[in-house]
Amino acid sequence: MIIVNDLKPGTTFENEGNIYTVLDIDHNKTAMRQMIVKVKVKNLRTGVINELSFTGGDKVEQAHIDKKEMQYLYDGGDALVFMDSSTYEQIEIPKDRLQWEMQFMKENDVVTITMYNTEILGVILPDKVELQIVECEPAVKGDTATSATKNAKVETGLEIRVPLFIQNGEMVLISTADGKYSGRA
């Protein structure tokens, strides 16, 4: 058990059947009242971010999240298939739980799978991924009044905005946090 006063960003805990990770915490203590602890959390099952309030001294159950490096093998129709490189064990994660992550993964990429007991929570991507431009608008000469960008599509189907000098076939770095162009690879 963890006392809520001791929670820190990055801590994972279980409360009312949900698994949360702490994003931010605020302690509010006034003279004649008990401390109120407001915790900004992310639900690891649904991805929803919200705020929970506790009274100082309340306890929550600590959740031990396991992380395992796995290789993304292929798209199996309604699920994505991953393999543990050391044991060759394969797992499937439904596509509807990985809508955002699918835009940044290619076959044979190594990703980190998060698990609570035997329940698979999701995929942790690297901060930036290297993807190839497969479709790109031509640059318009003289269109440089501001930091000019054009539409492009990468090999996973993700559509991004890139600078005018980027051409078809180039490798670019894309941030997995917001899905934006980050630089040339």
Protein backbone atom coordinates (compact mmCIF):
# COMPACT_ATOMS: atom_id res chain seq x y z
CA MET A 1 0.00 0.00 0.00
CA ILE A 2 1.10 3.55 -0.76
CA ILE A 3 -0.02 6.61 1.20
CA VAL A 4 -1.32 9.16 -1.35
CA ASN A 5 0.89 11.88 0.22
CA ASP A 6 3.92 9.90 -1.08
CA LEU A 7 2.76 9.62 -4.72
CA LYS A 8 5.15 11.03 -7.33
CA PRO A 9 4.91 11.47 -11.12
CA GLY A 10 5.52 8.12 -12.80
CA THR A 11 4.16 6.04 -9.90
CA THR A 12 1.54 3.44 -10.87
CA PHE A 13 -1.29 2.44 -8.56
CA GLU A 14 -4.61 0.62 -8.53
CA ASN A 15 -7.79 2.34 -7.33
CA GLU A 16 -11.41 1.18 -7.65
CA GLY A 17 -10.46 -1.51 -10.18
CA ASN A 18 -8.53 0.85 -12.49
CA ILE A 19 -4.79 1.12 -13.02
CA TYR A 20 -3.36 4.64 -13.08
CA THR A 21 -0.01 6.32 -13.59
CA VAL A 22 0.59 9.65 -11.84
CA LEU A 23 1.23 12.63 -14.14
CA ASP A 24 1.11 15.45 -11.56
CA ILE A 25 0.24 15.87 -7.88
CA ASP A 26 -0.94 18.83 -5.80
CA HIS A 27 -1.12 18.96 -1.97
CA ASN A 28 -3.61 21.48 -0.56
CA LYS A 29 -3.40 22.07 3.20
CA THR A 30 -5.31 24.83 4.94
CA ALA A 31 -5.19 25.71 8.65
CA MET A 32 -8.20 23.88 10.09
CA ARG A 33 -8.85 21.25 7.43
CA GLN A 34 -7.37 17.93 6.53
CA MET A 35 -4.99 17.87 3.57
CA ILE A 36 -6.56 17.36 0.13
CA VAL A 37 -4.35 15.55 -2.38
CA LYS A 38 -5.29 16.12 -6.04
CA VAL A 39 -3.64 13.70 -8.42
CA LYS A 40 -3.65 14.11 -12.22
CA VAL A 41 -3.59 10.55 -13.56
CA LYS A 42 -3.73 8.58 -16.80
CA ASN A 43 -5.83 5.42 -16.86
CA LEU A 44 -3.53 2.75 -18.34
CA ARG A 45 -6.43 0.67 -19.68
CA THR A 46 -8.34 3.42 -21.48
CA GLY A 47 -5.73 6.19 -21.91
CA VAL A 48 -8.10 8.78 -20.37
CA ILE A 49 -6.47 11.54 -18.32
CA ASN A 50 -8.41 12.87 -15.33
CA GLU A 51 -7.99 14.16 -11.79
CA LEU A 52 -8.63 12.21 -8.59
CA SER A 53 -9.01 13.75 -5.13
CA PHE A 54 -7.95 12.01 -1.94
CA THR A 55 -7.84 12.98 1.73
CA GLY A 56 -4.33 13.13 3.18
CA GLY A 57 -3.41 9.74 4.64
CA ASP A 58 -5.58 7.68 2.26
CA LYS A 59 -3.92 4.56 0.90
CA VAL A 60 -3.90 3.04 -2.59
CA GLU A 61 -2.57 -0.30 -3.82
CA GLN A 62 0.71 -0.10 -5.75
CA ALA A 63 0.55 -1.62 -9.25
CA HIS A 64 3.67 -3.30 -10.59
CA ILE A 65 3.78 -2.80 -14.37
CA ASP A 66 5.98 -5.20 -16.31
CA LYS A 67 7.69 -4.03 -19.50
CA LYS A 68 8.87 -6.45 -22.16
CA GLU A 69 10.71 -5.76 -25.42
CA MET A 70 8.86 -7.42 -28.31
CA GLN A 71 9.10 -7.39 -32.08
CA TYR A 72 6.11 -6.28 -34.15
CA LEU A 73 5.60 -9.10 -36.66
CA TYR A 74 2.52 -8.37 -38.77
CA ASP A 75 -1.04 -7.09 -38.97
CA GLY A 76 -3.30 -10.10 -38.41
CA GLY A 77 -6.54 -8.46 -39.60
CA ASP A 78 -8.30 -7.42 -36.39
CA ALA A 79 -5.17 -7.66 -34.18
CA LEU A 80 -1.45 -6.90 -34.35
CA VAL A 81 0.95 -9.78 -33.64
CA PHE A 82 4.08 -9.31 -31.49
CA MET A 83 6.83 -11.80 -30.62
CA ASP A 84 9.23 -12.08 -27.70
CA SER A 85 12.65 -12.51 -29.37
CA SER A 86 14.06 -14.69 -26.57
CA THR A 87 11.18 -17.14 -26.02
CA TYR A 88 9.48 -16.83 -29.46
CA GLU A 89 6.16 -16.45 -27.61
CA GLN A 90 3.61 -14.54 -29.71
CA ILE A 91 0.83 -12.28 -28.46
CA GLU A 92 -1.98 -10.46 -30.23
CA ILE A 93 -3.25 -7.00 -29.31
CA PRO A 94 -6.58 -5.82 -30.80
CA LYS A 95 -6.17 -3.04 -33.39
CA ASP A 96 -8.77 -0.82 -31.73
CA ARG A 97 -6.47 -0.48 -28.66
CA LEU A 98 -3.50 0.61 -30.81
CA GLN A 99 -4.98 3.14 -33.26
CA TRP A 100 -2.37 5.85 -32.52
CA GLU A 101 0.61 3.49 -32.21
CA MET A 102 -0.13 1.73 -35.55
CA GLN A 103 0.78 4.93 -37.42
CA PHE A 104 4.41 4.66 -36.24
CA MET A 105 5.13 0.91 -36.39
CA LYS A 106 6.60 -1.05 -39.29
CA GLU A 107 7.02 -4.81 -39.45
CA ASN A 108 10.08 -6.04 -37.48
CA ASP A 109 10.22 -2.89 -35.28
CA VAL A 110 11.06 -3.55 -31.63
CA VAL A 111 8.65 -1.93 -29.15
CA THR A 112 8.01 -2.16 -25.40
CA ILE A 113 4.81 -3.92 -24.31
CA THR A 114 3.40 -2.98 -20.88
CA MET A 115 1.60 -5.63 -18.82
CA TYR A 116 -0.15 -5.75 -15.45
CA ASN A 117 -0.16 -9.33 -14.15
CA THR A 118 -1.15 -11.12 -17.40
CA GLU A 119 -3.23 -8.24 -18.84
CA ILE A 120 -1.64 -6.41 -21.78
CA LEU A 121 -2.04 -2.65 -21.32
CA GLY A 122 -0.42 -1.30 -24.46
CA VAL A 123 2.68 -0.39 -26.41
CA ILE A 124 5.36 2.18 -25.54
CA LEU A 125 6.92 3.70 -28.65
CA PRO A 126 10.32 5.39 -28.85
CA ASP A 127 10.21 9.23 -28.73
CA LYS A 128 10.95 9.46 -32.46
CA VAL A 129 10.66 6.96 -35.28
CA GLU A 130 12.32 6.88 -38.70
CA LEU A 131 9.87 6.47 -41.59
CA GLN A 132 10.12 6.80 -45.37
CA ILE A 133 8.16 9.37 -47.39
CA VAL A 134 6.11 7.54 -50.04
CA GLU A 135 3.96 10.36 -51.36
CA CYS A 136 4.80 14.06 -51.39
CA GLU A 137 3.37 17.22 -52.97
CA PRO A 138 5.72 19.12 -55.27
CA ALA A 139 7.25 22.31 -53.84
CA VAL A 140 5.89 25.58 -55.23
CA LYS A 141 8.65 28.00 -56.21
CA GLY A 142 8.46 31.28 -54.34
CA ASP A 143 6.18 29.88 -51.62
CA THR A 144 8.53 30.77 -48.76
CA ALA A 145 7.07 33.84 -47.06
CA THR A 146 6.86 31.91 -43.79
CA SER A 147 8.16 28.51 -42.77
CA ALA A 148 6.51 26.79 -45.71
CA THR A 149 5.39 23.19 -45.46
CA LYS A 150 3.64 20.71 -47.72
CA ASN A 151 1.63 17.52 -47.25
CA ALA A 152 3.36 14.16 -47.29
CA LYS A 153 2.45 10.54 -46.55
CA VAL A 154 4.82 8.04 -44.91
CA GLU A 155 5.03 4.27 -45.40
CA THR A 156 2.63 3.51 -42.52
CA GLY A 157 -0.11 5.72 -44.02
CA LEU A 158 0.36 8.63 -41.59
CA GLU A 159 -0.08 12.06 -43.23
CA ILE A 160 2.24 14.81 -42.00
CA ARG A 161 3.41 18.31 -42.92
CA VAL A 162 7.06 18.53 -44.01
CA PRO A 163 9.37 21.36 -45.20
CA LEU A 164 9.47 22.07 -48.94
CA PHE A 165 12.94 20.49 -49.44
CA ILE A 166 11.75 16.97 -48.47
CA GLN A 167 11.29 14.66 -51.50
CA ASN A 168 9.72 11.23 -52.17
CA GLY A 169 11.79 8.33 -50.83
CA GLU A 170 13.54 10.35 -48.08
CA MET A 171 13.74 9.06 -44.52
CA VAL A 172 12.37 11.46 -41.88
CA LEU A 173 12.10 11.46 -38.10
CA ILE A 174 8.60 11.80 -36.68
CA SER A 175 7.71 12.52 -33.06
CA THR A 176 5.43 9.81 -31.64
CA ALA A 177 4.00 12.23 -29.04
CA ASP A 178 2.23 14.50 -31.57
CA GLY A 179 2.82 12.86 -34.96
CA LYS A 180 4.77 15.81 -36.39
CA TYR A 181 7.87 16.03 -38.58
CA SER A 182 10.98 16.30 -36.44
CA GLY A 183 13.86 16.26 -38.95
CA ARG A 184 15.71 14.29 -41.58
CA ALA A 185 16.93 10.85 -40.59
